[in-house]
Amino acid sequence: MSSPDPLTLVLVGPMGAGKTSVGRRVAKILEVGFIDTDKRIVAEHGPIPAIFAEHGEDRFRSLERVAVAEALDAGGVISLGGGAVADAHTREMLLQHPVVFLTVAADAVSHRIGGAGRPMLAGSDDALTRWKQIYEQRRGWYDEVADATFDTSHRPMKRIAEEIAAWRREQA
């Protein structure tokens, strides 16, 4: 395993907060690699909805914990799935790294969470109401691991990424 990059940064937050799109931009600004743990899980184990359907959420969280540990070992900018913080072992790992909590208001996220591929919203007649419930359940965990918070509701992702990169450089 390689040693972590000195500018390692982890992004957490609810579904639709922009962790992947902001993360890619931050990584480019900081000139480090970018890892999306959900994409790594899909590459190694198949689609996330299928993992949930065939093996359940507990199995997915176990795979996710491993993906997070490997990403932290690799370093760079790391985007976690919205529910990664639900796992106590994952939260413990995150306490050793700079973590940014990306928040988003319900009115801003409603158009971002449509479409398939979000098993935590599957089967819900009202995806936004379900999203709000999940966000409230996890909010304390996001706050627990976060060193800084940035809202992505109504500002350009490019500007948010620049601010996060500047914040991370100040921490180095």
N, C-alpha and C. Protein backbone atom coordinates (compact mmCIF):
# COMPACT_ATOMS: atom_id res chain seq x y z
N MET A 1 0.83 -1.20 0.00
CA MET A 1 0.00 0.00 0.00
C MET A 1 0.87 1.25 0.00
N SER A 2 0.42 2.21 -0.73
CA SER A 2 1.15 3.48 -0.77
C SER A 2 0.74 4.35 0.41
N SER A 3 1.61 5.27 0.74
CA SER A 3 1.26 6.18 1.83
C SER A 3 0.28 7.22 1.33
N PRO A 4 -0.62 7.71 2.19
CA PRO A 4 -1.62 8.67 1.75
C PRO A 4 -0.99 9.96 1.24
N ASP A 5 -1.62 10.54 0.25
CA ASP A 5 -1.20 11.82 -0.30
C ASP A 5 -1.35 12.88 0.79
N PRO A 6 -0.42 13.82 0.88
CA PRO A 6 -0.53 14.84 1.91
C PRO A 6 -1.78 15.71 1.78
N LEU A 7 -2.41 15.72 0.61
CA LEU A 7 -3.62 16.50 0.44
C LEU A 7 -4.87 15.62 0.37
N THR A 8 -4.86 14.50 1.08
CA THR A 8 -6.04 13.66 1.14
C THR A 8 -7.21 14.45 1.71
N LEU A 9 -8.36 14.26 1.13
CA LEU A 9 -9.58 14.94 1.54
C LEU A 9 -10.75 14.02 1.26
N VAL A 10 -11.66 13.90 2.23
CA VAL A 10 -12.84 13.05 2.08
C VAL A 10 -14.08 13.93 2.03
N LEU A 11 -14.98 13.62 1.09
CA LEU A 11 -16.25 14.33 0.98
C LEU A 11 -17.38 13.40 1.40
N VAL A 12 -18.20 13.87 2.34
CA VAL A 12 -19.38 13.13 2.79
C VAL A 12 -20.60 14.02 2.63
N GLY A 13 -21.76 13.40 2.64
CA GLY A 13 -23.00 14.16 2.55
C GLY A 13 -24.09 13.30 1.97
N PRO A 14 -25.29 13.82 1.94
CA PRO A 14 -26.44 13.04 1.47
C PRO A 14 -26.43 12.85 -0.04
N MET A 15 -27.29 11.95 -0.49
CA MET A 15 -27.49 11.75 -1.92
C MET A 15 -27.82 13.09 -2.57
N GLY A 16 -27.18 13.35 -3.71
CA GLY A 16 -27.49 14.56 -4.45
C GLY A 16 -26.79 15.81 -4.00
N ALA A 17 -25.89 15.70 -3.03
CA ALA A 17 -25.18 16.89 -2.54
C ALA A 17 -24.08 17.35 -3.49
N GLY A 18 -23.67 16.48 -4.42
CA GLY A 18 -22.63 16.86 -5.38
C GLY A 18 -21.25 16.35 -5.03
N LYS A 19 -21.18 15.29 -4.22
CA LYS A 19 -19.88 14.79 -3.78
C LYS A 19 -18.98 14.39 -4.95
N THR A 20 -19.55 13.75 -5.94
CA THR A 20 -18.73 13.31 -7.08
C THR A 20 -18.34 14.49 -7.96
N SER A 21 -19.29 15.33 -8.33
CA SER A 21 -18.96 16.44 -9.22
C SER A 21 -18.03 17.44 -8.55
N VAL A 22 -18.26 17.75 -7.30
CA VAL A 22 -17.36 18.66 -6.57
C VAL A 22 -16.01 17.97 -6.36
N GLY A 23 -16.03 16.71 -5.99
CA GLY A 23 -14.80 15.97 -5.73
C GLY A 23 -13.85 15.95 -6.92
N ARG A 24 -14.40 15.70 -8.10
CA ARG A 24 -13.56 15.69 -9.31
C ARG A 24 -12.89 17.05 -9.50
N ARG A 25 -13.65 18.11 -9.30
CA ARG A 25 -13.11 19.46 -9.48
C ARG A 25 -12.04 19.77 -8.43
N VAL A 26 -12.29 19.39 -7.18
CA VAL A 26 -11.31 19.64 -6.12
C VAL A 26 -10.01 18.88 -6.42
N ALA A 27 -10.14 17.63 -6.84
CA ALA A 27 -8.95 16.83 -7.15
C ALA A 27 -8.13 17.48 -8.27
N LYS A 28 -8.81 17.99 -9.27
CA LYS A 28 -8.11 18.65 -10.38
C LYS A 28 -7.37 19.89 -9.88
N ILE A 29 -8.03 20.69 -9.05
CA ILE A 29 -7.41 21.90 -8.51
C ILE A 29 -6.19 21.55 -7.66
N LEU A 30 -6.33 20.51 -6.83
CA LEU A 30 -5.24 20.13 -5.93
C LEU A 30 -4.19 19.26 -6.62
N GLU A 31 -4.48 18.85 -7.85
CA GLU A 31 -3.57 18.01 -8.64
C GLU A 31 -3.28 16.69 -7.93
N VAL A 32 -4.37 16.05 -7.46
CA VAL A 32 -4.28 14.73 -6.84
C VAL A 32 -5.33 13.83 -7.50
N GLY A 33 -5.27 12.55 -7.20
CA GLY A 33 -6.22 11.61 -7.75
C GLY A 33 -7.60 11.77 -7.13
N PHE A 34 -8.60 11.23 -7.82
CA PHE A 34 -9.98 11.25 -7.33
C PHE A 34 -10.51 9.82 -7.27
N ILE A 35 -11.15 9.49 -6.16
CA ILE A 35 -11.75 8.17 -5.99
C ILE A 35 -13.19 8.35 -5.54
N ASP A 36 -14.10 7.71 -6.27
CA ASP A 36 -15.51 7.64 -5.87
C ASP A 36 -15.71 6.21 -5.38
N THR A 37 -15.94 6.03 -4.09
CA THR A 37 -16.03 4.67 -3.54
C THR A 37 -17.21 3.90 -4.11
N ASP A 38 -18.31 4.56 -4.41
CA ASP A 38 -19.44 3.85 -5.03
C ASP A 38 -19.03 3.27 -6.39
N LYS A 39 -18.30 4.05 -7.17
CA LYS A 39 -17.87 3.57 -8.49
C LYS A 39 -16.90 2.40 -8.35
N ARG A 40 -16.06 2.42 -7.34
CA ARG A 40 -15.16 1.29 -7.10
C ARG A 40 -15.94 0.03 -6.75
N ILE A 41 -16.96 0.19 -5.92
CA ILE A 41 -17.79 -0.96 -5.54
C ILE A 41 -18.48 -1.54 -6.77
N VAL A 42 -19.03 -0.68 -7.61
CA VAL A 42 -19.70 -1.12 -8.84
C VAL A 42 -18.71 -1.87 -9.73
N ALA A 43 -17.50 -1.34 -9.89
CA ALA A 43 -16.50 -1.97 -10.75
C ALA A 43 -16.12 -3.36 -10.24
N GLU A 44 -16.08 -3.54 -8.94
CA GLU A 44 -15.65 -4.81 -8.37
C GLU A 44 -16.79 -5.80 -8.11
N HIS A 45 -18.00 -5.28 -7.82
CA HIS A 45 -19.08 -6.16 -7.35
C HIS A 45 -20.38 -6.05 -8.13
N GLY A 46 -20.46 -5.12 -9.07
CA GLY A 46 -21.67 -4.96 -9.84
C GLY A 46 -22.53 -3.81 -9.34
N PRO A 47 -23.66 -3.58 -10.00
CA PRO A 47 -24.51 -2.44 -9.66
C PRO A 47 -24.99 -2.44 -8.20
N ILE A 48 -24.97 -1.26 -7.60
CA ILE A 48 -25.37 -1.14 -6.20
C ILE A 48 -26.81 -1.61 -5.97
N PRO A 49 -27.78 -1.25 -6.82
CA PRO A 49 -29.15 -1.76 -6.60
C PRO A 49 -29.20 -3.28 -6.57
N ALA A 50 -28.38 -3.94 -7.41
CA ALA A 50 -28.36 -5.40 -7.42
C ALA A 50 -27.75 -5.96 -6.13
N ILE A 51 -26.72 -5.30 -5.61
CA ILE A 51 -26.13 -5.74 -4.33
C ILE A 51 -27.17 -5.64 -3.22
N PHE A 52 -27.89 -4.52 -3.17
CA PHE A 52 -28.95 -4.35 -2.17
C PHE A 52 -30.01 -5.43 -2.32
N ALA A 53 -30.44 -5.68 -3.57
CA ALA A 53 -31.53 -6.62 -3.82
C ALA A 53 -31.12 -8.06 -3.50
N GLU A 54 -29.91 -8.43 -3.85
CA GLU A 54 -29.46 -9.82 -3.70
C GLU A 54 -28.88 -10.12 -2.32
N HIS A 55 -28.22 -9.12 -1.71
CA HIS A 55 -27.47 -9.40 -0.48
C HIS A 55 -27.86 -8.50 0.69
N GLY A 56 -28.59 -7.42 0.44
CA GLY A 56 -29.03 -6.54 1.51
C GLY A 56 -28.07 -5.41 1.80
N GLU A 57 -28.58 -4.47 2.60
CA GLU A 57 -27.78 -3.29 2.92
C GLU A 57 -26.56 -3.64 3.77
N ASP A 58 -26.67 -4.60 4.68
CA ASP A 58 -25.52 -4.94 5.53
C ASP A 58 -24.32 -5.39 4.70
N ARG A 59 -24.58 -6.22 3.69
CA ARG A 59 -23.49 -6.68 2.82
C ARG A 59 -22.89 -5.50 2.06
N PHE A 60 -23.77 -4.62 1.56
CA PHE A 60 -23.26 -3.45 0.84
C PHE A 60 -22.37 -2.61 1.75
N ARG A 61 -22.81 -2.36 2.99
CA ARG A 61 -22.01 -1.53 3.91
C ARG A 61 -20.66 -2.19 4.20
N SER A 62 -20.63 -3.50 4.24
CA SER A 62 -19.37 -4.20 4.44
C SER A 62 -18.42 -3.98 3.26
N LEU A 63 -18.94 -4.10 2.05
CA LEU A 63 -18.14 -3.82 0.85
C LEU A 63 -17.68 -2.37 0.84
N GLU A 64 -18.57 -1.50 1.26
CA GLU A 64 -18.27 -0.06 1.28
C GLU A 64 -17.15 0.24 2.27
N ARG A 65 -17.19 -0.39 3.44
CA ARG A 65 -16.15 -0.17 4.45
C ARG A 65 -14.77 -0.52 3.88
N VAL A 66 -14.68 -1.63 3.16
CA VAL A 66 -13.42 -2.04 2.54
C VAL A 66 -13.00 -1.02 1.48
N ALA A 67 -13.95 -0.58 0.66
CA ALA A 67 -13.64 0.39 -0.39
C ALA A 67 -13.13 1.70 0.22
N VAL A 68 -13.73 2.14 1.32
CA VAL A 68 -13.30 3.37 1.98
C VAL A 68 -11.87 3.20 2.52
N ALA A 69 -11.59 2.08 3.17
CA ALA A 69 -10.25 1.84 3.72
C ALA A 69 -9.21 1.85 2.61
N GLU A 70 -9.51 1.21 1.48
CA GLU A 70 -8.56 1.19 0.36
C GLU A 70 -8.36 2.58 -0.22
N ALA A 71 -9.44 3.34 -0.33
CA ALA A 71 -9.33 4.71 -0.86
C ALA A 71 -8.50 5.60 0.07
N LEU A 72 -8.73 5.47 1.37
CA LEU A 72 -7.94 6.27 2.32
C LEU A 72 -6.47 5.91 2.25
N ASP A 73 -6.16 4.64 2.03
CA ASP A 73 -4.76 4.23 1.87
C ASP A 73 -4.14 4.84 0.61
N ALA A 74 -4.95 4.96 -0.45
CA ALA A 74 -4.45 5.50 -1.72
C ALA A 74 -4.27 7.02 -1.65
N GLY A 75 -5.15 7.71 -0.92
CA GLY A 75 -5.06 9.15 -0.80
C GLY A 75 -5.70 9.89 -1.95
N GLY A 76 -5.65 11.21 -1.91
CA GLY A 76 -6.28 12.05 -2.91
C GLY A 76 -7.63 12.53 -2.40
N VAL A 77 -8.49 12.92 -3.32
CA VAL A 77 -9.84 13.35 -2.97
C VAL A 77 -10.76 12.14 -3.09
N ILE A 78 -11.52 11.89 -2.05
CA ILE A 78 -12.34 10.68 -1.96
C ILE A 78 -13.79 11.06 -1.70
N SER A 79 -14.66 10.62 -2.60
CA SER A 79 -16.09 10.85 -2.45
C SER A 79 -16.74 9.57 -1.92
N LEU A 80 -17.44 9.68 -0.80
CA LEU A 80 -18.11 8.52 -0.22
C LEU A 80 -19.59 8.51 -0.57
N GLY A 81 -20.16 7.33 -0.61
CA GLY A 81 -21.60 7.22 -0.78
C GLY A 81 -22.29 7.85 0.41
N GLY A 82 -23.51 8.30 0.20
CA GLY A 82 -24.25 9.02 1.23
C GLY A 82 -24.40 8.27 2.54
N GLY A 83 -24.48 6.94 2.48
CA GLY A 83 -24.69 6.16 3.70
C GLY A 83 -23.44 5.59 4.33
N ALA A 84 -22.28 5.89 3.79
CA ALA A 84 -21.03 5.33 4.33
C ALA A 84 -20.86 5.66 5.81
N VAL A 85 -21.33 6.84 6.21
CA VAL A 85 -21.17 7.26 7.61
C VAL A 85 -22.05 6.47 8.57
N ALA A 86 -22.96 5.67 8.05
CA ALA A 86 -23.82 4.86 8.92
C ALA A 86 -23.02 3.76 9.62
N ASP A 87 -21.87 3.42 9.07
CA ASP A 87 -21.03 2.36 9.64
C ASP A 87 -20.05 2.94 10.66
N ALA A 88 -20.09 2.45 11.87
CA ALA A 88 -19.24 2.97 12.94
C ALA A 88 -17.75 2.82 12.63
N HIS A 89 -17.36 1.72 12.00
CA HIS A 89 -15.95 1.51 11.66
C HIS A 89 -15.49 2.53 10.61
N THR A 90 -16.36 2.82 9.66
CA THR A 90 -16.03 3.82 8.65
C THR A 90 -15.87 5.19 9.30
N ARG A 91 -16.80 5.54 10.19
CA ARG A 91 -16.68 6.84 10.87
C ARG A 91 -15.38 6.92 11.65
N GLU A 92 -14.98 5.85 12.28
CA GLU A 92 -13.72 5.83 13.04
C GLU A 92 -12.52 6.08 12.11
N MET A 93 -12.54 5.45 10.94
CA MET A 93 -11.46 5.68 9.97
C MET A 93 -11.42 7.15 9.53
N LEU A 94 -12.59 7.74 9.33
CA LEU A 94 -12.66 9.11 8.83
C LEU A 94 -12.11 10.13 9.81
N LEU A 95 -12.15 9.81 11.08
CA LEU A 95 -11.66 10.75 12.10
C LEU A 95 -10.16 11.02 11.97
N GLN A 96 -9.46 10.18 11.19
CA GLN A 96 -8.02 10.35 11.00
C GLN A 96 -7.68 11.19 9.76
N HIS A 97 -8.72 11.72 9.08
CA HIS A 97 -8.50 12.42 7.81
C HIS A 97 -9.35 13.69 7.75
N PRO A 98 -8.93 14.67 6.94
CA PRO A 98 -9.75 15.86 6.75
C PRO A 98 -11.04 15.49 5.99
N VAL A 99 -12.18 15.87 6.56
CA VAL A 99 -13.47 15.52 5.97
C VAL A 99 -14.30 16.78 5.77
N VAL A 100 -14.87 16.91 4.58
CA VAL A 100 -15.79 17.99 4.27
C VAL A 100 -17.19 17.40 4.13
N PHE A 101 -18.13 18.01 4.81
CA PHE A 101 -19.55 17.65 4.75
C PHE A 101 -20.21 18.59 3.75
N LEU A 102 -20.72 18.03 2.66
CA LEU A 102 -21.45 18.81 1.67
C LEU A 102 -22.93 18.74 2.00
N THR A 103 -23.52 19.87 2.31
CA THR A 103 -24.95 19.93 2.60
C THR A 103 -25.69 20.39 1.36
N VAL A 104 -26.98 20.12 1.36
CA VAL A 104 -27.84 20.57 0.26
C VAL A 104 -29.26 20.67 0.80
N ALA A 105 -29.94 21.72 0.40
CA ALA A 105 -31.33 21.92 0.84
C ALA A 105 -32.26 21.04 0.00
N ALA A 106 -33.37 20.68 0.60
CA ALA A 106 -34.34 19.81 -0.07
C ALA A 106 -34.83 20.41 -1.38
N ASP A 107 -35.05 21.73 -1.42
CA ASP A 107 -35.56 22.34 -2.65
C ASP A 107 -34.53 22.26 -3.78
N ALA A 108 -33.26 22.24 -3.44
CA ALA A 108 -32.21 22.16 -4.45
C ALA A 108 -31.94 20.73 -4.89
N VAL A 109 -32.17 19.77 -4.01
CA VAL A 109 -31.84 18.38 -4.33
C VAL A 109 -32.93 17.66 -5.11
N SER A 110 -34.14 18.18 -5.09
CA SER A 110 -35.26 17.45 -5.67
C SER A 110 -35.02 17.05 -7.13
N HIS A 111 -34.40 17.91 -7.92
CA HIS A 111 -34.13 17.57 -9.32
C HIS A 111 -32.86 16.72 -9.48
N ARG A 112 -32.05 16.61 -8.45
CA ARG A 112 -30.80 15.85 -8.53
C ARG A 112 -30.97 14.37 -8.22
N ILE A 113 -32.03 13.99 -7.53
CA ILE A 113 -32.16 12.61 -7.04
C ILE A 113 -33.05 11.73 -7.89
N GLY A 114 -33.47 12.22 -9.03
CA GLY A 114 -34.34 11.43 -9.90
C GLY A 114 -33.58 10.30 -10.57
N GLY A 115 -34.29 9.41 -11.19
CA GLY A 115 -33.68 8.32 -11.93
C GLY A 115 -33.39 7.11 -11.07
N ALA A 116 -32.89 6.09 -11.71
CA ALA A 116 -32.61 4.82 -11.03
C ALA A 116 -31.25 4.87 -10.36
N GLY A 117 -30.93 3.81 -9.66
CA GLY A 117 -29.61 3.67 -9.07
C GLY A 117 -29.48 4.17 -7.65
N ARG A 118 -30.59 4.48 -7.01
CA ARG A 118 -30.56 4.94 -5.62
C ARG A 118 -31.43 3.99 -4.80
N PRO A 119 -30.85 2.86 -4.39
CA PRO A 119 -31.65 1.84 -3.71
C PRO A 119 -32.31 2.31 -2.42
N MET A 120 -31.74 3.30 -1.76
CA MET A 120 -32.35 3.79 -0.52
C MET A 120 -33.65 4.55 -0.80
N LEU A 121 -33.85 4.99 -2.05
CA LEU A 121 -35.08 5.69 -2.42
C LEU A 121 -36.05 4.78 -3.18
N ALA A 122 -35.60 3.58 -3.54
CA ALA A 122 -36.42 2.66 -4.32
C ALA A 122 -37.70 2.30 -3.56
N GLY A 123 -38.78 2.21 -4.29
CA GLY A 123 -40.05 1.81 -3.70
C GLY A 123 -40.78 2.91 -2.97
N SER A 124 -40.20 4.10 -2.93
CA SER A 124 -40.85 5.22 -2.25
C SER A 124 -41.73 5.97 -3.24
N ASP A 125 -42.96 6.25 -2.83
CA ASP A 125 -43.86 7.03 -3.68
C ASP A 125 -43.41 8.49 -3.76
N ASP A 126 -42.72 8.94 -2.73
CA ASP A 126 -42.27 10.33 -2.67
C ASP A 126 -40.77 10.32 -2.33
N ALA A 127 -39.95 10.33 -3.38
CA ALA A 127 -38.50 10.24 -3.19
C ALA A 127 -37.96 11.38 -2.33
N LEU A 128 -38.50 12.58 -2.47
CA LEU A 128 -37.99 13.72 -1.71
C LEU A 128 -38.28 13.56 -0.21
N THR A 129 -39.47 13.09 0.12
CA THR A 129 -39.80 12.85 1.53
C THR A 129 -38.88 11.78 2.11
N ARG A 130 -38.64 10.71 1.36
CA ARG A 130 -37.74 9.65 1.81
C ARG A 130 -36.32 10.20 1.95
N TRP A 131 -35.88 11.03 1.00
CA TRP A 131 -34.55 11.64 1.07
C TRP A 131 -34.41 12.45 2.36
N LYS A 132 -35.43 13.25 2.68
CA LYS A 132 -35.40 14.06 3.91
C LYS A 132 -35.27 13.18 5.14
N GLN A 133 -35.99 12.07 5.18
CA GLN A 133 -35.92 11.15 6.32
C GLN A 133 -34.51 10.58 6.47
N ILE A 134 -33.94 10.14 5.36
CA ILE A 134 -32.59 9.56 5.39
C ILE A 134 -31.57 10.61 5.82
N TYR A 135 -31.70 11.81 5.27
CA TYR A 135 -30.77 12.89 5.62
C TYR A 135 -30.82 13.18 7.12
N GLU A 136 -32.00 13.27 7.67
CA GLU A 136 -32.13 13.53 9.10
C GLU A 136 -31.55 12.40 9.94
N GLN A 137 -31.71 11.16 9.50
CA GLN A 137 -31.15 10.01 10.21
C GLN A 137 -29.62 10.08 10.25
N ARG A 138 -29.02 10.57 9.18
CA ARG A 138 -27.57 10.55 9.04
C ARG A 138 -26.88 11.85 9.41
N ARG A 139 -27.63 12.91 9.55
CA ARG A 139 -27.05 14.24 9.75
C ARG A 139 -26.04 14.28 10.90
N GLY A 140 -26.37 13.67 12.02
CA GLY A 140 -25.47 13.65 13.17
C GLY A 140 -24.15 12.96 12.86
N TRP A 141 -24.19 11.91 12.06
CA TRP A 141 -22.96 11.22 11.68
C TRP A 141 -22.10 12.08 10.77
N TYR A 142 -22.75 12.79 9.84
CA TYR A 142 -21.98 13.70 8.98
C TYR A 142 -21.28 14.75 9.84
N ASP A 143 -22.02 15.33 10.76
CA ASP A 143 -21.44 16.35 11.65
C ASP A 143 -20.31 15.77 12.49
N GLU A 144 -20.48 14.53 12.93
CA GLU A 144 -19.47 13.87 13.78
C GLU A 144 -18.11 13.77 13.10
N VAL A 145 -18.10 13.46 11.80
CA VAL A 145 -16.83 13.23 11.11
C VAL A 145 -16.29 14.47 10.40
N ALA A 146 -17.11 15.50 10.24
CA ALA A 146 -16.73 16.65 9.41
C ALA A 146 -15.82 17.64 10.13
N ASP A 147 -14.85 18.13 9.37
CA ASP A 147 -13.98 19.21 9.83
C ASP A 147 -14.44 20.55 9.27
N ALA A 148 -15.19 20.50 8.19
CA ALA A 148 -15.71 21.72 7.56
C ALA A 148 -16.99 21.36 6.83
N THR A 149 -17.85 22.35 6.64
CA THR A 149 -19.13 22.14 5.95
C THR A 149 -19.29 23.20 4.86
N PHE A 150 -19.72 22.74 3.69
CA PHE A 150 -19.97 23.63 2.56
C PHE A 150 -21.34 23.28 1.99
N ASP A 151 -22.15 24.29 1.72
CA ASP A 151 -23.47 24.06 1.16
C ASP A 151 -23.41 24.12 -0.37
N THR A 152 -24.04 23.15 -1.03
CA THR A 152 -24.01 23.08 -2.49
C THR A 152 -25.35 23.43 -3.12
N SER A 153 -26.26 23.97 -2.33
CA SER A 153 -27.64 24.15 -2.79
C SER A 153 -27.79 25.08 -3.99
N HIS A 154 -27.23 26.26 -3.92
CA HIS A 154 -27.55 27.27 -4.93
C HIS A 154 -26.34 28.04 -5.44
N ARG A 155 -25.18 27.40 -5.41
CA ARG A 155 -23.97 28.06 -5.90
C ARG A 155 -23.30 27.17 -6.93
N PRO A 156 -22.53 27.73 -7.83
CA PRO A 156 -21.85 26.92 -8.85
C PRO A 156 -20.87 25.93 -8.21
N MET A 157 -20.90 24.71 -8.70
CA MET A 157 -20.02 23.67 -8.17
C MET A 157 -18.55 24.06 -8.32
N LYS A 158 -18.22 24.77 -9.39
CA LYS A 158 -16.84 25.20 -9.60
C LYS A 158 -16.38 26.10 -8.45
N ARG A 159 -17.21 27.03 -8.04
CA ARG A 159 -16.86 27.94 -6.95
C ARG A 159 -16.73 27.20 -5.63
N ILE A 160 -17.64 26.27 -5.39
CA ILE A 160 -17.58 25.46 -4.17
C ILE A 160 -16.28 24.66 -4.14
N ALA A 161 -15.93 24.06 -5.27
CA ALA A 161 -14.69 23.28 -5.35
C ALA A 161 -13.47 24.15 -5.06
N GLU A 162 -13.45 25.36 -5.60
CA GLU A 162 -12.33 26.27 -5.34
C GLU A 162 -12.22 26.59 -3.86
N GLU A 163 -13.35 26.82 -3.21
CA GLU A 163 -13.33 27.13 -1.77
C GLU A 163 -12.86 25.94 -0.95
N ILE A 164 -13.29 24.74 -1.32
CA ILE A 164 -12.88 23.54 -0.60
C ILE A 164 -11.39 23.30 -0.79
N ALA A 165 -10.90 23.46 -2.01
CA ALA A 165 -9.46 23.29 -2.26
C ALA A 165 -8.65 24.29 -1.45
N ALA A 166 -9.10 25.53 -1.40
CA ALA A 166 -8.40 26.56 -0.61
C ALA A 166 -8.41 26.17 0.87
N TRP A 167 -9.55 25.71 1.37
CA TRP A 167 -9.64 25.28 2.77
C TRP A 167 -8.66 24.15 3.04
N ARG A 168 -8.61 23.17 2.11
CA ARG A 168 -7.73 22.01 2.32
C ARG A 168 -6.27 22.42 2.31
N ARG A 169 -5.90 23.33 1.45
CA ARG A 169 -4.51 23.79 1.41
C ARG A 169 -4.13 24.47 2.73
N GLU A 170 -5.07 25.18 3.32
CA GLU A 170 -4.81 25.82 4.62
C GLU A 170 -4.57 24.80 5.72
N GLN A 171 -5.14 23.60 5.57
CA GLN A 171 -5.00 22.55 6.59
C GLN A 171 -3.66 21.82 6.48
N ALA A 172 -3.03 21.91 5.32
CA ALA A 172 -1.79 21.14 5.07
C ALA A 172 -0.62 21.65 5.88
